[in-house]
């Protein structure tokens, strides 16, 4: 029998979570679902975080990226992170990273 690695354990944990919460899993994986709104998004993210299923939070955000409650998230978070970085006197590094990205 094969020794289970960390990835195997994580997969089993996710599969058990899906079995326990099939409705939420369907909602996570279904874009444009009528039940998705900011309140549901908050509940899902909170639940996934408590379950330490962080990767699924990013899947959730990508699947529902066209929802109004998600669409502005990256812009707001980016501005917050740039503001904090600039306060930390790392503004030049932020500009360098931008220039590097657009090479």
PDB file of N, CA and C in Angstrom:
ATOM      1  N   UNK A   1       0.846  -1.187   0.000  1.00  0.00           N
ATOM      2  CA  UNK A   1       0.000   0.000   0.000  1.00  0.00           C
ATOM      3  C   UNK A   1       0.888   1.245   0.000  1.00  0.00           C
ATOM      4  N   UNK A   2       0.509   2.191  -0.791  1.00  0.00           N
ATOM      5  CA  UNK A   2       1.258   3.440  -0.937  1.00  0.00           C
ATOM      6  C   UNK A   2       1.161   4.279   0.338  1.00  0.00           C
ATOM      7  N   UNK A   3       2.280   4.903   0.680  1.00  0.00           N
ATOM      8  CA  UNK A   3       2.297   5.806   1.830  1.00  0.00           C
ATOM      9  C   UNK A   3       1.604   7.110   1.423  1.00  0.00           C
ATOM     10  N   UNK A   4       0.719   7.585   2.296  1.00  0.00           N
ATOM     11  CA  UNK A   4      -0.002   8.818   1.987  1.00  0.00           C
ATOM     12  C   UNK A   4       0.873  10.030   2.252  1.00  0.00           C
ATOM     13  N   UNK A   5       0.939  10.886   1.254  1.00  0.00           N
ATOM     14  CA  UNK A   5       1.674  12.131   1.396  1.00  0.00           C
ATOM     15  C   UNK A   5       0.759  13.248   1.849  1.00  0.00           C
ATOM     16  N   UNK A   6       1.327  14.421   2.003  1.00  0.00           N
ATOM     17  CA  UNK A   6       0.566  15.594   2.453  1.00  0.00           C
ATOM     18  C   UNK A   6      -0.560  15.922   1.476  1.00  0.00           C
ATOM     19  N   UNK A   7      -0.259  15.813   0.166  1.00  0.00           N
ATOM     20  CA  UNK A   7      -1.281  16.100  -0.840  1.00  0.00           C
ATOM     21  C   UNK A   7      -2.441  15.130  -0.768  1.00  0.00           C
ATOM     22  N   UNK A   8      -2.136  13.860  -0.527  1.00  0.00           N
ATOM     23  CA  UNK A   8      -3.190  12.857  -0.393  1.00  0.00           C
ATOM     24  C   UNK A   8      -4.092  13.174   0.802  1.00  0.00           C
ATOM     25  N   UNK A   9      -3.486  13.540   1.905  1.00  0.00           N
ATOM     26  CA  UNK A   9      -4.252  13.860   3.113  1.00  0.00           C
ATOM     27  C   UNK A   9      -5.148  15.080   2.877  1.00  0.00           C
ATOM     28  N   UNK A  10      -4.605  16.067   2.169  1.00  0.00           N
ATOM     29  CA  UNK A  10      -5.384  17.278   1.873  1.00  0.00           C
ATOM     30  C   UNK A  10      -6.562  16.930   0.960  1.00  0.00           C
ATOM     31  N   UNK A  11      -6.322  16.067  -0.019  1.00  0.00           N
ATOM     32  CA  UNK A  11      -7.390  15.654  -0.934  1.00  0.00           C
ATOM     33  C   UNK A  11      -8.488  14.914  -0.181  1.00  0.00           C
ATOM     34  N   UNK A  12      -8.113  14.022   0.698  1.00  0.00           N
ATOM     35  CA  UNK A  12      -9.099  13.281   1.486  1.00  0.00           C
ATOM     36  C   UNK A  12      -9.892  14.228   2.376  1.00  0.00           C
ATOM     37  N   UNK A  13      -9.206  15.189   2.964  1.00  0.00           N
ATOM     38  CA  UNK A  13      -9.884  16.184   3.812  1.00  0.00           C
ATOM     39  C   UNK A  13     -10.896  16.977   3.003  1.00  0.00           C
ATOM     40  N   UNK A  14     -10.516  17.382   1.780  1.00  0.00           N
ATOM     41  CA  UNK A  14     -11.430  18.122   0.905  1.00  0.00           C
ATOM     42  C   UNK A  14     -12.616  17.250   0.514  1.00  0.00           C
ATOM     43  N   UNK A  15     -12.367  16.007   0.142  1.00  0.00           N
ATOM     44  CA  UNK A  15     -13.459  15.115  -0.249  1.00  0.00           C
ATOM     45  C   UNK A  15     -14.438  14.883   0.897  1.00  0.00           C
ATOM     46  N   UNK A  16     -13.935  14.771   2.111  1.00  0.00           N
ATOM     47  CA  UNK A  16     -14.812  14.632   3.279  1.00  0.00           C
ATOM     48  C   UNK A  16     -15.639  15.902   3.474  1.00  0.00           C
ATOM     49  N   UNK A  17     -15.006  17.061   3.267  1.00  0.00           N
ATOM     50  CA  UNK A  17     -15.721  18.323   3.403  1.00  0.00           C
ATOM     51  C   UNK A  17     -16.824  18.409   2.352  1.00  0.00           C
ATOM     52  N   UNK A  18     -16.513  18.020   1.102  1.00  0.00           N
ATOM     53  CA  UNK A  18     -17.512  18.044   0.029  1.00  0.00           C
ATOM     54  C   UNK A  18     -18.685  17.134   0.374  1.00  0.00           C
ATOM     55  N   UNK A  19     -18.401  15.963   0.921  1.00  0.00           N
ATOM     56  CA  UNK A  19     -19.462  15.028   1.310  1.00  0.00           C
ATOM     57  C   UNK A  19     -20.344  15.631   2.402  1.00  0.00           C
ATOM     58  N   UNK A  20     -19.725  16.363   3.329  1.00  0.00           N
ATOM     59  CA  UNK A  20     -20.473  16.978   4.423  1.00  0.00           C
ATOM     60  C   UNK A  20     -21.264  18.214   3.982  1.00  0.00           C
ATOM     61  N   UNK A  21     -20.753  18.931   2.984  1.00  0.00           N
ATOM     62  CA  UNK A  21     -21.372  20.189   2.534  1.00  0.00           C
ATOM     63  C   UNK A  21     -21.585  20.186   1.021  1.00  0.00           C
ATOM     64  N   UNK A  22     -22.362  19.242   0.469  1.00  0.00           N
ATOM     65  CA  UNK A  22     -22.521  19.164  -0.989  1.00  0.00           C
ATOM     66  C   UNK A  22     -23.188  20.397  -1.599  1.00  0.00           C
ATOM     67  N   UNK A  23     -24.105  21.004  -0.876  1.00  0.00           N
ATOM     68  CA  UNK A  23     -24.775  22.206  -1.389  1.00  0.00           C
ATOM     69  C   UNK A  23     -23.820  23.377  -1.522  1.00  0.00           C
ATOM     70  N   UNK A  24     -22.969  23.539  -0.528  1.00  0.00           N
ATOM     71  CA  UNK A  24     -21.981  24.618  -0.586  1.00  0.00           C
ATOM     72  C   UNK A  24     -20.966  24.353  -1.693  1.00  0.00           C
ATOM     73  N   UNK A  25     -20.568  23.085  -1.866  1.00  0.00           N
ATOM     74  CA  UNK A  25     -19.619  22.743  -2.919  1.00  0.00           C
ATOM     75  C   UNK A  25     -20.223  23.073  -4.280  1.00  0.00           C
ATOM     76  N   UNK A  26     -21.493  22.737  -4.464  1.00  0.00           N
ATOM     77  CA  UNK A  26     -22.157  23.059  -5.731  1.00  0.00           C
ATOM     78  C   UNK A  26     -22.191  24.571  -5.940  1.00  0.00           C
ATOM     79  N   UNK A  27     -22.501  25.316  -4.896  1.00  0.00           N
ATOM     80  CA  UNK A  27     -22.533  26.776  -4.991  1.00  0.00           C
ATOM     81  C   UNK A  27     -21.153  27.340  -5.315  1.00  0.00           C
ATOM     82  N   UNK A  28     -20.121  26.809  -4.701  1.00  0.00           N
ATOM     83  CA  UNK A  28     -18.747  27.254  -4.975  1.00  0.00           C
ATOM     84  C   UNK A  28     -18.417  27.053  -6.442  1.00  0.00           C
ATOM     85  N   UNK A  29     -18.852  25.949  -7.023  1.00  0.00           N
ATOM     86  CA  UNK A  29     -18.458  25.561  -8.384  1.00  0.00           C
ATOM     87  C   UNK A  29     -19.403  26.043  -9.476  1.00  0.00           C
ATOM     88  N   UNK A  30     -20.481  26.735  -9.141  1.00  0.00           N
ATOM     89  CA  UNK A  30     -21.483  27.130 -10.133  1.00  0.00           C
ATOM     90  C   UNK A  30     -21.506  28.642 -10.318  1.00  0.00           C
ATOM     91  N   UNK A  31     -20.922  29.127 -11.427  1.00  0.00           N
ATOM     92  CA  UNK A  31     -20.975  30.577 -11.674  1.00  0.00           C
ATOM     93  C   UNK A  31     -22.420  31.019 -11.929  1.00  0.00           C
ATOM     94  N   UNK A  32     -22.698  32.254 -11.595  1.00  0.00           N
ATOM     95  CA  UNK A  32     -24.014  32.876 -11.814  1.00  0.00           C
ATOM     96  C   UNK A  32     -25.142  32.186 -11.049  1.00  0.00           C
ATOM     97  N   UNK A  33     -24.833  31.522  -9.964  1.00  0.00           N
ATOM     98  CA  UNK A  33     -25.866  30.874  -9.163  1.00  0.00           C
ATOM     99  C   UNK A  33     -26.743  31.947  -8.526  1.00  0.00           C
ATOM    100  N   UNK A  34     -28.032  31.723  -8.555  1.00  0.00           N
ATOM    101  CA  UNK A  34     -28.981  32.716  -8.040  1.00  0.00           C
ATOM    102  C   UNK A  34     -28.839  32.965  -6.542  1.00  0.00           C
ATOM    103  N   UNK A  35     -28.236  32.032  -5.824  1.00  0.00           N
ATOM    104  CA  UNK A  35     -28.089  32.188  -4.374  1.00  0.00           C
ATOM    105  C   UNK A  35     -26.814  32.933  -3.964  1.00  0.00           C
ATOM    106  N   UNK A  36     -25.963  33.241  -4.933  1.00  0.00           N
ATOM    107  CA  UNK A  36     -24.697  33.912  -4.598  1.00  0.00           C
ATOM    108  C   UNK A  36     -24.922  35.406  -4.437  1.00  0.00           C
ATOM    109  N   UNK A  37     -24.485  35.911  -3.307  1.00  0.00           N
ATOM    110  CA  UNK A  37     -24.526  37.340  -3.025  1.00  0.00           C
ATOM    111  C   UNK A  37     -23.435  37.631  -2.005  1.00  0.00           C
ATOM    112  N   UNK A  38     -23.298  38.866  -1.600  1.00  0.00           N
ATOM    113  CA  UNK A  38     -22.228  39.240  -0.676  1.00  0.00           C
ATOM    114  C   UNK A  38     -22.347  38.497   0.651  1.00  0.00           C
ATOM    115  N   UNK A  39     -23.563  38.327   1.152  1.00  0.00           N
ATOM    116  CA  UNK A  39     -23.760  37.633   2.423  1.00  0.00           C
ATOM    117  C   UNK A  39     -23.328  36.163   2.309  1.00  0.00           C
ATOM    118  N   UNK A  40     -23.692  35.517   1.215  1.00  0.00           N
ATOM    119  CA  UNK A  40     -23.320  34.118   1.000  1.00  0.00           C
ATOM    120  C   UNK A  40     -21.814  33.998   0.795  1.00  0.00           C
ATOM    121  N   UNK A  41     -21.233  34.933   0.048  1.00  0.00           N
ATOM    122  CA  UNK A  41     -19.784  34.921  -0.192  1.00  0.00           C
ATOM    123  C   UNK A  41     -19.037  35.032   1.137  1.00  0.00           C
ATOM    124  N   UNK A  42     -19.497  35.922   1.973  1.00  0.00           N
ATOM    125  CA  UNK A  42     -18.861  36.098   3.296  1.00  0.00           C
ATOM    126  C   UNK A  42     -18.968  34.811   4.126  1.00  0.00           C
ATOM    127  N   UNK A  43     -20.151  34.194   4.105  1.00  0.00           N
ATOM    128  CA  UNK A  43     -20.353  32.952   4.858  1.00  0.00           C
ATOM    129  C   UNK A  43     -19.443  31.843   4.327  1.00  0.00           C
ATOM    130  N   UNK A  44     -19.371  31.709   3.017  1.00  0.00           N
ATOM    131  CA  UNK A  44     -18.535  30.670   2.415  1.00  0.00           C
ATOM    132  C   UNK A  44     -17.058  30.886   2.733  1.00  0.00           C
ATOM    133  N   UNK A  45     -16.577  32.107   2.558  1.00  0.00           N
ATOM    134  CA  UNK A  45     -15.167  32.398   2.831  1.00  0.00           C
ATOM    135  C   UNK A  45     -14.854  32.143   4.300  1.00  0.00           C
ATOM    136  N   UNK A  46     -15.723  32.579   5.188  1.00  0.00           N
ATOM    137  CA  UNK A  46     -15.515  32.343   6.612  1.00  0.00           C
ATOM    138  C   UNK A  46     -15.475  30.861   6.940  1.00  0.00           C
ATOM    139  N   UNK A  47     -16.400  30.107   6.376  1.00  0.00           N
ATOM    140  CA  UNK A  47     -16.449  28.668   6.637  1.00  0.00           C
ATOM    141  C   UNK A  47     -15.209  27.967   6.077  1.00  0.00           C
ATOM    142  N   UNK A  48     -14.825  28.300   4.853  1.00  0.00           N
ATOM    143  CA  UNK A  48     -13.640  27.691   4.248  1.00  0.00           C
ATOM    144  C   UNK A  48     -12.376  28.040   5.033  1.00  0.00           C
ATOM    145  N   UNK A  49     -12.299  29.255   5.520  1.00  0.00           N
ATOM    146  CA  UNK A  49     -11.132  29.664   6.308  1.00  0.00           C
ATOM    147  C   UNK A  49     -11.068  28.882   7.615  1.00  0.00           C
ATOM    148  N   UNK A  50     -12.202  28.736   8.268  1.00  0.00           N
ATOM    149  CA  UNK A  50     -12.221  27.965   9.527  1.00  0.00           C
ATOM    150  C   UNK A  50     -11.842  26.503   9.276  1.00  0.00           C
ATOM    151  N   UNK A  51     -12.216  25.984   8.107  1.00  0.00           N
ATOM    152  CA  UNK A  51     -11.871  24.608   7.744  1.00  0.00           C
ATOM    153  C   UNK A  51     -10.452  24.514   7.169  1.00  0.00           C
ATOM    154  N   UNK A  52      -9.782  25.641   7.073  1.00  0.00           N
ATOM    155  CA  UNK A  52      -8.430  25.735   6.519  1.00  0.00           C
ATOM    156  C   UNK A  52      -8.357  25.206   5.091  1.00  0.00           C
ATOM    157  N   UNK A  53      -9.406  25.473   4.324  1.00  0.00           N
ATOM    158  CA  UNK A  53      -9.448  25.125   2.902  1.00  0.00           C
ATOM    159  C   UNK A  53      -9.190  26.396   2.088  1.00  0.00           C
ATOM    160  N   UNK A  54      -8.042  26.973   2.311  1.00  0.00           N
ATOM    161  CA  UNK A  54      -7.710  28.279   1.740  1.00  0.00           C
ATOM    162  C   UNK A  54      -7.675  28.264   0.220  1.00  0.00           C
ATOM    163  N   UNK A  55      -7.191  27.186  -0.377  1.00  0.00           N
ATOM    164  CA  UNK A  55      -7.112  27.119  -1.841  1.00  0.00           C
ATOM    165  C   UNK A  55      -8.501  27.241  -2.455  1.00  0.00           C
ATOM    166  N   UNK A  56      -9.490  26.682  -1.780  1.00  0.00           N
ATOM    167  CA  UNK A  56     -10.855  26.708  -2.309  1.00  0.00           C
ATOM    168  C   UNK A  56     -11.421  28.127  -2.269  1.00  0.00           C
ATOM    169  N   UNK A  57     -10.955  28.954  -1.360  1.00  0.00           N
ATOM    170  CA  UNK A  57     -11.387  30.358  -1.336  1.00  0.00           C
ATOM    171  C   UNK A  57     -11.010  31.024  -2.660  1.00  0.00           C
ATOM    172  N   UNK A  58      -9.803  30.749  -3.146  1.00  0.00           N
ATOM    173  CA  UNK A  58      -9.384  31.355  -4.410  1.00  0.00           C
ATOM    174  C   UNK A  58     -10.146  30.776  -5.594  1.00  0.00           C
ATOM    175  N   UNK A  59     -10.497  29.495  -5.527  1.00  0.00           N
ATOM    176  CA  UNK A  59     -11.352  28.891  -6.555  1.00  0.00           C
ATOM    177  C   UNK A  59     -12.711  29.587  -6.542  1.00  0.00           C
ATOM    178  N   UNK A  60     -13.276  29.749  -5.356  1.00  0.00           N
ATOM    179  CA  UNK A  60     -14.564  30.426  -5.190  1.00  0.00           C
ATOM    180  C   UNK A  60     -14.536  31.816  -5.813  1.00  0.00           C
ATOM    181  N   UNK A  61     -13.496  32.574  -5.513  1.00  0.00           N
ATOM    182  CA  UNK A  61     -13.396  33.942  -6.048  1.00  0.00           C
ATOM    183  C   UNK A  61     -13.250  33.947  -7.564  1.00  0.00           C
ATOM    184  N   UNK A  62     -12.526  32.988  -8.121  1.00  0.00           N
ATOM    185  CA  UNK A  62     -12.363  32.939  -9.570  1.00  0.00           C
ATOM    186  C   UNK A  62     -13.663  32.517 -10.260  1.00  0.00           C
ATOM    187  N   UNK A  63     -14.323  31.513  -9.717  1.00  0.00           N
ATOM    188  CA  UNK A  63     -15.579  31.041 -10.315  1.00  0.00           C
ATOM    189  C   UNK A  63     -16.621  32.154 -10.322  1.00  0.00           C
ATOM    190  N   UNK A  64     -16.641  32.954  -9.266  1.00  0.00           N
ATOM    191  CA  UNK A  64     -17.666  33.997  -9.121  1.00  0.00           C
ATOM    192  C   UNK A  64     -17.109  35.396  -9.374  1.00  0.00           C
ATOM    193  N   UNK A  65     -16.047  35.485 -10.168  1.00  0.00           N
ATOM    194  CA  UNK A  65     -15.377  36.769 -10.401  1.00  0.00           C
ATOM    195  C   UNK A  65     -16.271  37.820 -11.057  1.00  0.00           C
ATOM    196  N   UNK A  66     -17.334  37.410 -11.730  1.00  0.00           N
ATOM    197  CA  UNK A  66     -18.219  38.381 -12.381  1.00  0.00           C
ATOM    198  C   UNK A  66     -19.342  38.877 -11.479  1.00  0.00           C
ATOM    199  N   UNK A  67     -19.448  38.282 -10.292  1.00  0.00           N
ATOM    200  CA  UNK A  67     -20.445  38.751  -9.319  1.00  0.00           C
ATOM    201  C   UNK A  67     -20.038  40.139  -8.833  1.00  0.00           C
ATOM    202  N   UNK A  68     -21.017  41.011  -8.649  1.00  0.00           N
ATOM    203  CA  UNK A  68     -20.694  42.373  -8.214  1.00  0.00           C
ATOM    204  C   UNK A  68     -19.957  42.383  -6.882  1.00  0.00           C
ATOM    205  N   UNK A  69     -20.270  41.441  -6.001  1.00  0.00           N
ATOM    206  CA  UNK A  69     -19.628  41.417  -4.690  1.00  0.00           C
ATOM    207  C   UNK A  69     -18.169  40.987  -4.774  1.00  0.00           C
ATOM    208  N   UNK A  70     -17.749  40.372  -5.865  1.00  0.00           N
ATOM    209  CA  UNK A  70     -16.368  39.911  -6.029  1.00  0.00           C
ATOM    210  C   UNK A  70     -15.589  40.811  -6.976  1.00  0.00           C
ATOM    211  N   UNK A  71     -16.265  41.362  -7.953  1.00  0.00           N
ATOM    212  CA  UNK A  71     -15.629  42.128  -9.023  1.00  0.00           C
ATOM    213  C   UNK A  71     -14.693  43.219  -8.514  1.00  0.00           C
ATOM    214  N   UNK A  72     -15.072  43.920  -7.479  1.00  0.00           N
ATOM    215  CA  UNK A  72     -14.277  45.041  -6.980  1.00  0.00           C
ATOM    216  C   UNK A  72     -13.258  44.635  -5.911  1.00  0.00           C
ATOM    217  N   UNK A  73     -13.306  43.389  -5.466  1.00  0.00           N
ATOM    218  CA  UNK A  73     -12.437  42.937  -4.378  1.00  0.00           C
ATOM    219  C   UNK A  73     -10.960  43.117  -4.693  1.00  0.00           C
ATOM    220  N   UNK A  74     -10.527  42.661  -5.854  1.00  0.00           N
ATOM    221  CA  UNK A  74      -9.096  42.731  -6.158  1.00  0.00           C
ATOM    222  C   UNK A  74      -8.612  44.175  -6.235  1.00  0.00           C
ATOM    223  N   UNK A  75      -9.426  45.055  -6.796  1.00  0.00           N
ATOM    224  CA  UNK A  75      -9.034  46.462  -6.867  1.00  0.00           C
ATOM    225  C   UNK A  75      -8.909  47.095  -5.490  1.00  0.00           C
ATOM    226  N   UNK A  76      -9.862  46.828  -4.635  1.00  0.00           N
ATOM    227  CA  UNK A  76      -9.842  47.382  -3.279  1.00  0.00           C
ATOM    228  C   UNK A  76      -8.656  46.820  -2.498  1.00  0.00           C
ATOM    229  N   UNK A  77      -8.448  45.501  -2.589  1.00  0.00           N
ATOM    230  CA  UNK A  77      -7.337  44.881  -1.860  1.00  0.00           C
ATOM    231  C   UNK A  77      -5.994  45.374  -2.389  1.00  0.00           C
ATOM    232  N   UNK A  78      -5.892  45.531  -3.704  1.00  0.00           N
ATOM    233  CA  UNK A  78      -4.651  46.032  -4.291  1.00  0.00           C
ATOM    234  C   UNK A  78      -4.350  47.434  -3.765  1.00  0.00           C
ATOM    235  N   UNK A  79      -5.343  48.298  -3.759  1.00  0.00           N
ATOM    236  CA  UNK A  79      -5.124  49.658  -3.253  1.00  0.00           C
ATOM    237  C   UNK A  79      -4.741  49.652  -1.781  1.00  0.00           C
ATOM    238  N   UNK A  80      -5.382  48.806  -0.991  1.00  0.00           N
ATOM    239  CA  UNK A  80      -5.035  48.701   0.424  1.00  0.00           C
ATOM    240  C   UNK A  80      -3.589  48.240   0.603  1.00  0.00           C
ATOM    241  N   UNK A  81      -3.182  47.226  -0.164  1.00  0.00           N
ATOM    242  CA  UNK A  81      -1.823  46.699  -0.038  1.00  0.00           C
ATOM    243  C   UNK A  81      -0.791  47.721  -0.512  1.00  0.00           C
ATOM    244  N   UNK A  82      -1.089  48.435  -1.588  1.00  0.00           N
ATOM    245  CA  UNK A  82      -0.158  49.461  -2.067  1.00  0.00           C
ATOM    246  C   UNK A  82      -0.048  50.584  -1.040  1.00  0.00           C
ATOM    247  N   UNK A  83      -1.164  50.973  -0.472  1.00  0.00           N
ATOM    248  CA  UNK A  83      -1.150  52.025   0.545  1.00  0.00           C
ATOM    249  C   UNK A  83      -0.294  51.608   1.731  1.00  0.00           C
ATOM    250  N   UNK A  84      -0.470  50.376   2.209  1.00  0.00           N
ATOM    251  CA  UNK A  84       0.330  49.897   3.334  1.00  0.00           C
ATOM    252  C   UNK A  84       1.805  49.805   2.958  1.00  0.00           C
ATOM    253  N   UNK A  85       2.091  49.330   1.752  1.00  0.00           N
ATOM    254  CA  UNK A  85       3.479  49.250   1.292  1.00  0.00           C
ATOM    255  C   UNK A  85       4.117  50.619   1.197  1.00  0.00           C
ATOM    256  N   UNK A  86       3.348  51.579   0.712  1.00  0.00           N
ATOM    257  CA  UNK A  86       3.872  52.933   0.575  1.00  0.00           C
ATOM    258  C   UNK A  86       4.154  53.542   1.936  1.00  0.00           C
ATOM    259  N   UNK A  87       3.265  53.265   2.900  1.00  0.00           N
ATOM    260  CA  UNK A  87       3.490  53.752   4.263  1.00  0.00           C
ATOM    261  C   UNK A  87       4.787  53.180   4.820  1.00  0.00           C
ATOM    262  N   UNK A  88       5.085  51.942   4.456  1.00  0.00           N
ATOM    263  CA  UNK A  88       6.310  51.283   4.905  1.00  0.00           C
ATOM    264  C   UNK A  88       7.519  51.745   4.110  1.00  0.00           C
ATOM    265  N   UNK A  89       7.379  52.844   3.370  1.00  0.00           N
ATOM    266  CA  UNK A  89       8.464  53.444   2.590  1.00  0.00           C
ATOM    267  C   UNK A  89       9.019  52.473   1.544  1.00  0.00           C
ATOM    268  N   UNK A  90       8.128  51.660   0.974  1.00  0.00           N
ATOM    269  CA  UNK A  90       8.538  50.709  -0.036  1.00  0.00           C
ATOM    270  C   UNK A  90       7.930  51.060  -1.398  1.00  0.00           C
ATOM    271  N   UNK A  91       7.591  52.314  -1.584  1.00  0.00           N
ATOM    272  CA  UNK A  91       6.970  52.771  -2.824  1.00  0.00           C
ATOM    273  C   UNK A  91       7.812  52.504  -4.052  1.00  0.00           C
ATOM    274  N   UNK A  92       9.111  52.734  -3.946  1.00  0.00           N
ATOM    275  CA  UNK A  92       9.984  52.491  -5.093  1.00  0.00           C
ATOM    276  C   UNK A  92       9.979  51.016  -5.476  1.00  0.00           C
ATOM    277  N   UNK A  93       9.952  50.147  -4.487  1.00  0.00           N
ATOM    278  CA  UNK A  93       9.922  48.700  -4.757  1.00  0.00           C
ATOM    279  C   UNK A  93       8.617  48.319  -5.458  1.00  0.00           C
ATOM    280  N   UNK A  94       7.519  48.933  -5.071  1.00  0.00           N
ATOM    281  CA  UNK A  94       6.228  48.669  -5.707  1.00  0.00           C
ATOM    282  C   UNK A  94       6.291  49.055  -7.182  1.00  0.00           C
ATOM    283  N   UNK A  95       6.851  50.229  -7.476  1.00  0.00           N
ATOM    284  CA  UNK A  95       6.980  50.675  -8.863  1.00  0.00           C
ATOM    285  C   UNK A  95       7.906  49.732  -9.638  1.00  0.00           C
ATOM    286  N   UNK A  96       9.009  49.322  -9.039  1.00  0.00           N
ATOM    287  CA  UNK A  96       9.933  48.378  -9.691  1.00  0.00           C
ATOM    288  C   UNK A  96       9.224  47.070 -10.022  1.00  0.00           C
ATOM    289  N   UNK A  97       8.414  46.578  -9.091  1.00  0.00           N
ATOM    290  CA  UNK A  97       7.671  45.335  -9.332  1.00  0.00           C
ATOM    291  C   UNK A  97       6.687  45.499 -10.487  1.00  0.00           C
ATOM    292  N   UNK A  98       6.024  46.642 -10.555  1.00  0.00           N
ATOM    293  CA  UNK A  98       5.099  46.901 -11.666  1.00  0.00           C
ATOM    294  C   UNK A  98       5.839  46.906 -12.992  1.00  0.00           C
ATOM    295  N   UNK A  99       6.977  47.617 -13.022  1.00  0.00           N
ATOM    296  CA  UNK A  99       7.753  47.683 -14.257  1.00  0.00           C
ATOM    297  C   UNK A  99       8.250  46.306 -14.672  1.00  0.00           C
ATOM    298  N   UNK A 100       8.659  45.496 -13.712  1.00  0.00           N
ATOM    299  CA  UNK A 100       9.130  44.141 -13.990  1.00  0.00           C
ATOM    300  C   UNK A 100       7.987  43.291 -14.563  1.00  0.00           C
ATOM    301  N   UNK A 101       6.811  43.445 -14.013  1.00  0.00           N
ATOM    302  CA  UNK A 101       5.656  42.670 -14.478  1.00  0.00           C
ATOM    303  C   UNK A 101       5.363  42.962 -15.948  1.00  0.00           C
ATOM    304  N   UNK A 102       5.475  44.224 -16.349  1.00  0.00           N
ATOM    305  CA  UNK A 102       5.117  44.615 -17.706  1.00  0.00           C
ATOM    306  C   UNK A 102       6.256  44.495 -18.703  1.00  0.00           C
ATOM    307  N   UNK A 103       7.347  43.826 -18.354  1.00  0.00           N
ATOM    308  CA  UNK A 103       8.458  43.609 -19.293  1.00  0.00           C
ATOM    309  C   UNK A 103       8.021  42.763 -20.449  1.00  0.00           C
TER     310      UNK A 103
END
